[in-house]
N, C-alpha and C. Protein backbone atom coordinates (compact mmCIF):
# COMPACT_ATOMS: atom_id res chain seq x y z
N MET A 1 -76.29 68.87 -6.51
CA MET A 1 -75.34 67.79 -6.28
C MET A 1 -74.41 68.20 -5.14
N ASP A 2 -74.28 67.34 -4.16
CA ASP A 2 -73.42 67.57 -2.99
C ASP A 2 -71.89 67.60 -3.47
N LEU A 3 -71.13 68.47 -2.77
CA LEU A 3 -69.68 68.63 -3.13
C LEU A 3 -69.05 67.24 -3.21
N PHE A 4 -69.29 66.36 -2.14
CA PHE A 4 -68.62 65.16 -2.13
C PHE A 4 -69.11 64.23 -3.24
N ASP A 5 -70.27 64.42 -3.83
CA ASP A 5 -70.78 63.67 -4.89
C ASP A 5 -69.99 64.10 -6.15
N GLN A 6 -69.53 65.36 -6.18
CA GLN A 6 -68.78 65.80 -7.39
C GLN A 6 -67.35 65.28 -7.33
N ILE A 7 -66.85 64.94 -6.16
CA ILE A 7 -65.47 64.41 -6.05
C ILE A 7 -65.54 62.92 -6.44
N ASN A 8 -64.53 62.39 -7.06
CA ASN A 8 -64.38 60.98 -7.38
C ASN A 8 -64.49 60.27 -6.01
N SER A 9 -65.53 59.47 -5.82
CA SER A 9 -65.69 58.87 -4.53
C SER A 9 -64.72 57.75 -4.16
N SER A 10 -63.91 57.31 -5.11
CA SER A 10 -63.02 56.19 -4.76
C SER A 10 -61.65 56.79 -4.33
N ARG A 11 -61.62 58.07 -4.13
CA ARG A 11 -60.27 58.70 -3.80
C ARG A 11 -59.94 58.69 -2.38
N LEU A 12 -58.67 58.51 -2.16
CA LEU A 12 -58.12 58.64 -0.81
C LEU A 12 -57.37 59.94 -0.70
N ILE A 13 -57.80 60.80 0.24
CA ILE A 13 -57.18 62.14 0.46
C ILE A 13 -56.11 61.91 1.47
N GLN A 14 -54.82 62.20 1.08
CA GLN A 14 -53.67 61.96 1.93
C GLN A 14 -52.80 63.22 1.86
N ARG A 15 -52.09 63.47 3.01
CA ARG A 15 -51.12 64.55 3.06
C ARG A 15 -50.27 64.28 4.29
N SER A 16 -48.96 64.35 4.11
CA SER A 16 -48.03 64.12 5.09
C SER A 16 -47.93 65.25 6.13
N SER A 17 -47.71 64.92 7.43
CA SER A 17 -47.57 65.98 8.41
C SER A 17 -46.25 66.66 8.27
N SER A 18 -45.34 66.12 7.42
CA SER A 18 -44.10 66.87 7.18
C SER A 18 -44.22 67.97 6.10
N GLU A 19 -45.33 67.96 5.40
CA GLU A 19 -45.59 69.06 4.44
C GLU A 19 -46.01 70.27 5.18
N PRO A 20 -45.61 71.41 4.61
CA PRO A 20 -45.98 72.71 5.29
C PRO A 20 -47.41 72.99 4.99
N ILE A 21 -48.02 73.87 5.88
CA ILE A 21 -49.35 74.37 5.74
C ILE A 21 -49.43 75.25 4.53
N ARG A 22 -50.44 74.98 3.70
CA ARG A 22 -50.58 75.84 2.47
C ARG A 22 -51.03 77.21 2.79
N LEU A 23 -50.49 78.17 2.11
CA LEU A 23 -50.86 79.59 2.35
C LEU A 23 -51.36 80.20 1.08
N LYS A 24 -52.12 81.29 1.28
CA LYS A 24 -52.71 82.17 0.21
C LYS A 24 -53.46 81.32 -0.85
N LEU A 25 -54.23 80.44 -0.48
CA LEU A 25 -55.09 79.80 -1.44
C LEU A 25 -56.51 80.57 -1.55
N SER A 26 -57.09 80.51 -2.61
CA SER A 26 -58.34 81.21 -2.81
C SER A 26 -59.46 80.35 -2.09
N TRP A 27 -60.54 80.96 -1.94
CA TRP A 27 -61.71 80.19 -1.38
C TRP A 27 -62.05 78.94 -2.18
N GLU A 28 -62.05 79.11 -3.53
CA GLU A 28 -62.39 78.03 -4.44
C GLU A 28 -61.36 76.95 -4.33
N GLU A 29 -60.06 77.32 -4.23
CA GLU A 29 -59.01 76.26 -4.13
C GLU A 29 -59.12 75.52 -2.78
N THR A 30 -59.43 76.26 -1.73
CA THR A 30 -59.49 75.72 -0.39
C THR A 30 -60.68 74.74 -0.25
N TRP A 31 -61.84 75.28 -0.64
CA TRP A 31 -63.15 74.50 -0.32
C TRP A 31 -63.74 73.78 -1.52
N GLN A 32 -63.39 74.15 -2.72
CA GLN A 32 -63.99 73.46 -3.84
C GLN A 32 -63.05 72.66 -4.68
N GLY A 33 -61.83 72.42 -4.15
CA GLY A 33 -60.77 71.63 -4.79
C GLY A 33 -61.18 70.09 -4.71
N SER A 34 -60.36 69.31 -5.23
CA SER A 34 -60.66 67.82 -5.34
C SER A 34 -60.79 67.21 -3.92
N ASP A 35 -60.21 67.84 -2.91
CA ASP A 35 -60.35 67.28 -1.51
C ASP A 35 -61.48 67.74 -0.77
N GLY A 36 -62.29 68.71 -1.34
CA GLY A 36 -63.51 69.19 -0.65
C GLY A 36 -63.24 69.93 0.64
N GLY A 37 -62.07 70.50 0.84
CA GLY A 37 -61.72 71.22 2.13
C GLY A 37 -61.16 70.34 3.23
N LEU A 38 -60.97 69.07 2.95
CA LEU A 38 -60.50 68.20 4.04
C LEU A 38 -59.00 68.60 4.38
N ILE A 39 -58.22 68.97 3.37
CA ILE A 39 -56.85 69.31 3.71
C ILE A 39 -56.90 70.59 4.54
N LYS A 40 -57.73 71.55 4.22
CA LYS A 40 -57.81 72.72 5.06
C LYS A 40 -58.14 72.48 6.48
N ASN A 41 -59.12 71.63 6.68
CA ASN A 41 -59.51 71.21 8.05
C ASN A 41 -58.40 70.56 8.76
N TRP A 42 -57.68 69.71 8.10
CA TRP A 42 -56.49 68.99 8.73
C TRP A 42 -55.44 70.04 9.13
N GLU A 43 -55.24 71.07 8.22
CA GLU A 43 -54.24 72.11 8.53
C GLU A 43 -54.70 72.97 9.72
N VAL A 44 -56.04 73.22 9.76
CA VAL A 44 -56.52 73.98 10.93
C VAL A 44 -56.30 73.12 12.23
N GLY A 45 -56.51 71.86 12.18
CA GLY A 45 -56.21 70.94 13.36
C GLY A 45 -54.73 71.03 13.71
N ARG A 46 -53.80 71.09 12.78
CA ARG A 46 -52.46 71.17 13.11
C ARG A 46 -52.13 72.51 13.71
N ALA A 47 -52.73 73.60 13.25
CA ALA A 47 -52.44 74.98 13.86
C ALA A 47 -53.08 74.95 15.25
N LEU A 48 -54.30 74.37 15.42
CA LEU A 48 -54.94 74.35 16.69
C LEU A 48 -54.03 73.60 17.75
N ALA A 49 -53.37 72.56 17.31
CA ALA A 49 -52.49 71.72 18.25
C ALA A 49 -51.39 72.67 18.79
N MET A 50 -50.89 73.51 17.97
CA MET A 50 -49.81 74.40 18.51
C MET A 50 -50.36 75.40 19.41
N LEU A 51 -51.60 75.87 19.21
CA LEU A 51 -52.20 76.95 20.05
C LEU A 51 -52.79 76.37 21.29
N ASN A 52 -53.13 75.15 21.30
CA ASN A 52 -53.80 74.53 22.48
C ASN A 52 -53.29 73.12 22.73
N PRO A 53 -52.13 72.97 23.27
CA PRO A 53 -51.53 71.70 23.53
C PRO A 53 -52.36 70.80 24.35
N GLU A 54 -53.08 71.29 25.30
CA GLU A 54 -53.98 70.49 26.20
C GLU A 54 -55.04 69.75 25.37
N LEU A 55 -55.66 70.52 24.40
CA LEU A 55 -56.67 69.91 23.57
C LEU A 55 -55.98 68.90 22.64
N ALA A 56 -54.82 69.13 22.16
CA ALA A 56 -54.07 68.14 21.32
C ALA A 56 -53.90 66.83 22.18
N SER A 57 -53.46 67.08 23.40
CA SER A 57 -53.22 65.92 24.27
C SER A 57 -54.43 65.06 24.45
N ARG A 58 -55.61 65.75 24.68
CA ARG A 58 -56.81 65.01 24.84
C ARG A 58 -57.21 64.16 23.56
N ALA A 59 -56.93 64.80 22.41
CA ALA A 59 -57.19 64.05 21.11
C ALA A 59 -56.25 62.91 21.04
N MET A 60 -55.00 63.13 21.31
CA MET A 60 -54.03 62.03 21.21
C MET A 60 -54.38 60.83 22.23
N ALA A 61 -55.06 61.20 23.21
CA ALA A 61 -55.47 60.17 24.22
C ALA A 61 -56.77 59.46 23.81
N GLY A 62 -57.26 59.79 22.60
CA GLY A 62 -58.41 59.12 22.10
C GLY A 62 -59.73 59.85 22.34
N GLU A 63 -59.76 60.99 22.84
CA GLU A 63 -60.96 61.78 23.07
C GLU A 63 -61.36 62.39 21.74
N LEU A 64 -62.62 62.67 21.60
CA LEU A 64 -63.19 63.38 20.44
C LEU A 64 -63.75 64.69 21.00
N PRO A 65 -62.94 65.60 21.25
CA PRO A 65 -63.48 66.95 21.81
C PRO A 65 -64.18 67.74 20.85
N PRO A 66 -65.12 68.58 21.29
CA PRO A 66 -65.84 69.42 20.31
C PRO A 66 -64.86 70.30 19.54
N LEU A 67 -65.06 70.29 18.22
CA LEU A 67 -64.23 71.19 17.32
C LEU A 67 -65.16 72.03 16.51
N ASN A 68 -64.75 72.39 15.27
CA ASN A 68 -65.52 73.24 14.39
C ASN A 68 -66.62 72.52 13.63
N TRP A 69 -66.61 71.22 13.55
CA TRP A 69 -67.57 70.43 12.78
C TRP A 69 -68.24 69.35 13.65
N LYS A 70 -69.31 68.82 13.23
CA LYS A 70 -70.09 67.77 14.01
C LYS A 70 -69.18 66.61 14.05
N GLY A 71 -69.11 65.98 15.26
CA GLY A 71 -68.34 64.80 15.46
C GLY A 71 -67.83 64.69 16.86
N GLY A 72 -67.62 65.86 17.53
CA GLY A 72 -66.99 65.79 18.91
C GLY A 72 -68.09 65.55 19.91
N VAL A 73 -67.64 64.92 21.06
CA VAL A 73 -68.55 64.72 22.17
C VAL A 73 -67.74 65.06 23.42
N ASP A 74 -68.44 65.71 24.35
CA ASP A 74 -67.76 65.94 25.60
C ASP A 74 -68.63 65.38 26.76
N ARG A 75 -69.77 64.82 26.50
CA ARG A 75 -70.66 64.23 27.45
C ARG A 75 -71.23 62.99 26.84
N THR A 76 -71.63 62.02 27.67
CA THR A 76 -72.23 60.82 27.17
C THR A 76 -73.69 61.15 26.91
N LEU A 77 -74.20 60.81 25.68
CA LEU A 77 -75.59 60.95 25.33
C LEU A 77 -76.36 59.76 25.76
N VAL A 78 -77.72 59.85 25.86
CA VAL A 78 -78.49 58.74 26.25
C VAL A 78 -78.29 57.62 25.16
N LYS A 79 -78.36 58.01 23.95
CA LYS A 79 -77.99 57.06 22.86
C LYS A 79 -76.50 57.15 22.60
N ARG A 80 -75.75 56.10 22.74
CA ARG A 80 -74.30 56.21 22.69
C ARG A 80 -73.68 56.19 21.32
N GLU A 81 -74.48 56.54 20.31
CA GLU A 81 -73.94 56.54 18.95
C GLU A 81 -74.38 57.85 18.24
N LYS A 82 -73.48 58.38 17.33
CA LYS A 82 -73.88 59.57 16.65
C LYS A 82 -73.04 59.59 15.39
N PHE A 83 -73.41 60.44 14.45
CA PHE A 83 -72.74 60.64 13.17
C PHE A 83 -71.87 61.89 13.25
N GLY A 84 -70.75 61.86 12.65
CA GLY A 84 -69.80 63.01 12.48
C GLY A 84 -69.42 63.31 11.04
N SER A 85 -68.92 64.41 10.82
CA SER A 85 -68.46 64.86 9.52
C SER A 85 -67.07 64.39 9.25
N LEU A 86 -66.70 64.12 8.00
CA LEU A 86 -65.37 63.81 7.59
C LEU A 86 -64.48 65.00 7.86
N ARG A 87 -65.10 66.31 7.78
CA ARG A 87 -64.25 67.40 8.08
C ARG A 87 -63.74 67.46 9.54
N TYR A 88 -64.69 66.99 10.46
CA TYR A 88 -64.22 66.81 11.85
C TYR A 88 -63.04 65.82 11.92
N LEU A 89 -63.19 64.71 11.26
CA LEU A 89 -62.22 63.70 11.25
C LEU A 89 -60.80 64.21 10.75
N ALA A 90 -60.82 64.98 9.73
CA ALA A 90 -59.64 65.64 9.14
C ALA A 90 -58.99 66.56 10.18
N GLN A 91 -59.87 67.39 10.84
CA GLN A 91 -59.34 68.35 11.78
C GLN A 91 -58.73 67.60 13.04
N TRP A 92 -59.43 66.49 13.40
CA TRP A 92 -58.99 65.70 14.53
C TRP A 92 -57.62 65.01 14.21
N GLN A 93 -57.45 64.51 13.04
CA GLN A 93 -56.20 63.89 12.63
C GLN A 93 -55.06 64.92 12.64
N GLY A 94 -55.34 66.21 12.23
CA GLY A 94 -54.36 67.21 12.31
C GLY A 94 -54.02 67.61 13.77
N LEU A 95 -55.03 67.66 14.53
CA LEU A 95 -54.86 67.96 15.97
C LEU A 95 -53.96 66.94 16.72
N ARG A 96 -54.03 65.75 16.27
CA ARG A 96 -53.27 64.57 16.83
C ARG A 96 -51.91 64.55 16.21
N GLY A 97 -51.62 65.34 15.23
CA GLY A 97 -50.28 65.36 14.60
C GLY A 97 -50.12 64.18 13.65
N GLU A 98 -51.28 63.63 13.17
CA GLU A 98 -51.18 62.51 12.27
C GLU A 98 -51.12 63.02 10.79
N ASP A 99 -50.65 62.12 9.92
CA ASP A 99 -50.90 62.33 8.47
C ASP A 99 -52.26 62.39 8.21
N LEU A 100 -52.73 63.18 7.20
CA LEU A 100 -54.09 63.04 6.69
C LEU A 100 -54.35 61.85 5.89
N CYS A 101 -55.32 61.13 6.14
CA CYS A 101 -55.63 59.88 5.46
C CYS A 101 -57.11 59.55 5.55
N ILE A 102 -57.92 60.01 4.63
CA ILE A 102 -59.35 59.83 4.64
C ILE A 102 -59.81 59.25 3.23
N ALA A 103 -60.50 58.09 3.29
CA ALA A 103 -61.12 57.57 2.05
C ALA A 103 -62.54 58.22 2.07
N ILE A 104 -62.75 59.12 1.04
CA ILE A 104 -63.98 59.91 1.07
C ILE A 104 -65.23 59.11 0.76
N ASN A 105 -65.13 57.82 0.42
CA ASN A 105 -66.36 57.03 0.24
C ASN A 105 -66.61 56.00 1.34
N GLU A 106 -65.85 56.10 2.40
CA GLU A 106 -66.06 55.15 3.50
C GLU A 106 -66.37 55.85 4.84
N GLU A 107 -67.08 55.12 5.56
CA GLU A 107 -67.35 55.57 6.96
C GLU A 107 -66.29 55.05 7.89
N VAL A 108 -66.04 55.83 8.99
CA VAL A 108 -64.99 55.47 9.86
C VAL A 108 -65.68 55.51 11.30
N ASN A 109 -65.58 54.52 12.03
CA ASN A 109 -66.04 54.39 13.43
C ASN A 109 -64.96 54.68 14.47
N ILE A 110 -65.16 55.59 15.35
CA ILE A 110 -64.16 55.85 16.44
C ILE A 110 -64.96 55.94 17.71
N LYS A 111 -64.47 55.29 18.78
CA LYS A 111 -65.05 55.39 20.10
C LYS A 111 -64.27 56.38 20.98
N CYS A 112 -64.98 57.35 21.52
CA CYS A 112 -64.33 58.33 22.34
C CYS A 112 -63.79 57.71 23.57
N ALA A 113 -62.54 57.90 23.95
CA ALA A 113 -62.05 57.36 25.14
C ALA A 113 -62.59 57.99 26.37
N LYS A 114 -63.09 59.15 26.31
CA LYS A 114 -63.59 59.86 27.54
C LYS A 114 -65.08 59.46 27.77
N THR A 115 -65.87 59.46 26.70
CA THR A 115 -67.34 59.27 26.88
C THR A 115 -67.84 57.92 26.47
N GLN A 116 -66.99 57.14 25.83
CA GLN A 116 -67.38 55.83 25.24
C GLN A 116 -68.44 55.93 24.19
N MET A 117 -68.65 57.12 23.67
CA MET A 117 -69.60 57.32 22.60
C MET A 117 -68.98 56.79 21.26
N LEU A 118 -69.67 56.13 20.46
CA LEU A 118 -69.27 55.65 19.23
C LEU A 118 -69.76 56.68 18.09
N VAL A 119 -68.72 57.33 17.44
CA VAL A 119 -69.02 58.27 16.39
C VAL A 119 -68.68 57.65 15.02
N THR A 120 -69.64 57.73 14.13
CA THR A 120 -69.48 57.25 12.76
C THR A 120 -69.23 58.45 11.91
N PHE A 121 -68.01 58.62 11.37
CA PHE A 121 -67.68 59.72 10.52
C PHE A 121 -68.00 59.25 9.09
N THR A 122 -68.87 60.03 8.44
CA THR A 122 -69.47 59.63 7.20
C THR A 122 -69.37 60.69 6.10
N PRO A 123 -69.25 60.23 4.86
CA PRO A 123 -69.30 61.30 3.76
C PRO A 123 -70.78 61.65 3.44
N ASP A 124 -71.67 60.97 3.99
CA ASP A 124 -73.12 61.21 3.68
C ASP A 124 -73.60 62.40 4.64
N ILE A 125 -73.58 63.57 4.06
CA ILE A 125 -73.93 64.74 4.90
C ILE A 125 -75.28 64.69 5.50
N GLN A 126 -76.24 64.01 4.72
CA GLN A 126 -77.57 63.90 5.29
C GLN A 126 -77.67 63.11 6.59
N LYS A 127 -76.80 62.10 6.69
CA LYS A 127 -76.80 61.38 7.96
C LYS A 127 -76.36 62.37 9.09
N VAL A 128 -75.38 63.14 8.85
CA VAL A 128 -74.87 64.13 9.81
C VAL A 128 -75.93 65.15 10.21
N LEU A 129 -76.58 65.69 9.15
CA LEU A 129 -77.54 66.74 9.35
C LEU A 129 -78.89 66.18 9.99
N ASN A 130 -79.21 64.96 9.60
CA ASN A 130 -80.47 64.41 10.17
C ASN A 130 -80.27 63.51 11.43
N ASP A 131 -79.07 63.52 11.94
CA ASP A 131 -78.79 62.70 13.17
C ASP A 131 -79.74 63.13 14.30
N PRO A 132 -80.65 62.18 14.68
CA PRO A 132 -81.65 62.61 15.69
C PRO A 132 -80.91 62.79 17.03
N ASN A 133 -79.69 62.25 17.16
CA ASN A 133 -78.98 62.40 18.44
C ASN A 133 -78.33 63.77 18.58
N ALA A 134 -78.21 64.54 17.49
CA ALA A 134 -77.57 65.84 17.55
C ALA A 134 -78.40 66.87 18.39
N SER A 135 -79.69 66.57 18.51
CA SER A 135 -80.51 67.52 19.27
C SER A 135 -81.04 66.89 20.58
N SER A 136 -80.62 65.64 20.83
CA SER A 136 -81.10 64.94 22.03
C SER A 136 -80.52 65.50 23.36
N ILE A 137 -81.23 65.25 24.44
CA ILE A 137 -80.79 65.75 25.72
C ILE A 137 -79.60 64.88 26.18
N GLU A 138 -78.60 65.45 26.64
CA GLU A 138 -77.44 64.72 27.16
C GLU A 138 -77.63 64.35 28.58
N GLU A 139 -76.95 63.32 29.02
CA GLU A 139 -77.07 62.88 30.43
C GLU A 139 -76.57 64.01 31.35
N GLY A 140 -75.57 64.70 31.03
CA GLY A 140 -75.10 65.82 31.84
C GLY A 140 -76.09 66.82 32.12
N ALA A 141 -76.81 67.19 31.02
CA ALA A 141 -77.86 68.22 31.11
C ALA A 141 -79.03 67.68 31.96
N LEU A 142 -79.30 66.43 31.92
CA LEU A 142 -80.34 65.80 32.69
C LEU A 142 -80.05 65.92 34.18
N ASN A 143 -78.76 65.86 34.44
CA ASN A 143 -78.32 65.89 35.88
C ASN A 143 -77.93 67.33 36.33
N GLY A 144 -78.43 68.30 35.64
CA GLY A 144 -78.12 69.66 36.12
C GLY A 144 -76.86 70.14 35.57
N GLY A 145 -76.12 69.44 34.77
CA GLY A 145 -74.88 69.94 34.20
C GLY A 145 -75.09 70.81 32.94
N SER A 146 -74.09 71.30 32.42
CA SER A 146 -74.24 72.18 31.24
C SER A 146 -74.31 71.24 30.01
N ALA A 147 -74.84 71.81 28.95
CA ALA A 147 -74.90 71.09 27.66
C ALA A 147 -73.52 71.21 27.07
N SER A 148 -73.26 70.28 26.11
CA SER A 148 -71.97 70.24 25.50
C SER A 148 -71.78 71.39 24.47
N GLY A 149 -70.54 71.54 24.03
CA GLY A 149 -70.25 72.56 23.07
C GLY A 149 -68.85 72.99 23.21
N VAL A 150 -68.39 73.88 22.33
CA VAL A 150 -66.99 74.30 22.40
C VAL A 150 -66.91 75.21 23.63
N SER A 151 -65.81 75.13 24.33
CA SER A 151 -65.63 76.01 25.49
C SER A 151 -65.69 77.43 25.11
N GLU A 152 -66.16 78.20 26.05
CA GLU A 152 -66.19 79.68 25.85
C GLU A 152 -64.83 80.31 25.89
N LYS A 153 -63.81 79.64 26.32
CA LYS A 153 -62.48 80.16 26.32
C LYS A 153 -61.98 80.16 24.89
N SER A 154 -61.41 81.30 24.46
CA SER A 154 -60.96 81.48 23.08
C SER A 154 -59.75 80.55 22.90
N ILE A 155 -59.74 79.90 21.69
CA ILE A 155 -58.55 79.06 21.36
C ILE A 155 -57.47 79.86 20.67
N PHE A 156 -57.73 81.10 20.38
CA PHE A 156 -56.73 81.95 19.73
C PHE A 156 -56.28 83.07 20.72
N PRO A 157 -55.01 83.34 20.66
CA PRO A 157 -54.45 84.41 21.58
C PRO A 157 -55.11 85.80 21.27
């Protein structure tokens, strides 16, 4: 049984940006709690915003930059739709300085301001893993550009 299947699917995971980042949680508390790790991903996004203000600015402008989970896009794909993880969505909300607010039984559609790609953030991990677009050739790569991915520049000092 998938972790998200174990969580009551009618739940809304929320946390205010005014609350401090949680410290010294065990692995089980962090990843196997009732939020399925969404709060941790949101907290990582908040910390990342302080370390990389330029990345936070891009996210606040509506871009979906590559982060630690599937969902980010930095080039337009031939097929302009893809699936993303709710964990990406949580990290992106933290990066933008937003309160965490994710209904774990609903899909959320966001169009990237930079690439115009439509990303559907879904609780169905099979959709994310089986996304045929995840391994498709990108337009940038077809034109001699590099493939997408997280920048090789370290985000940590």
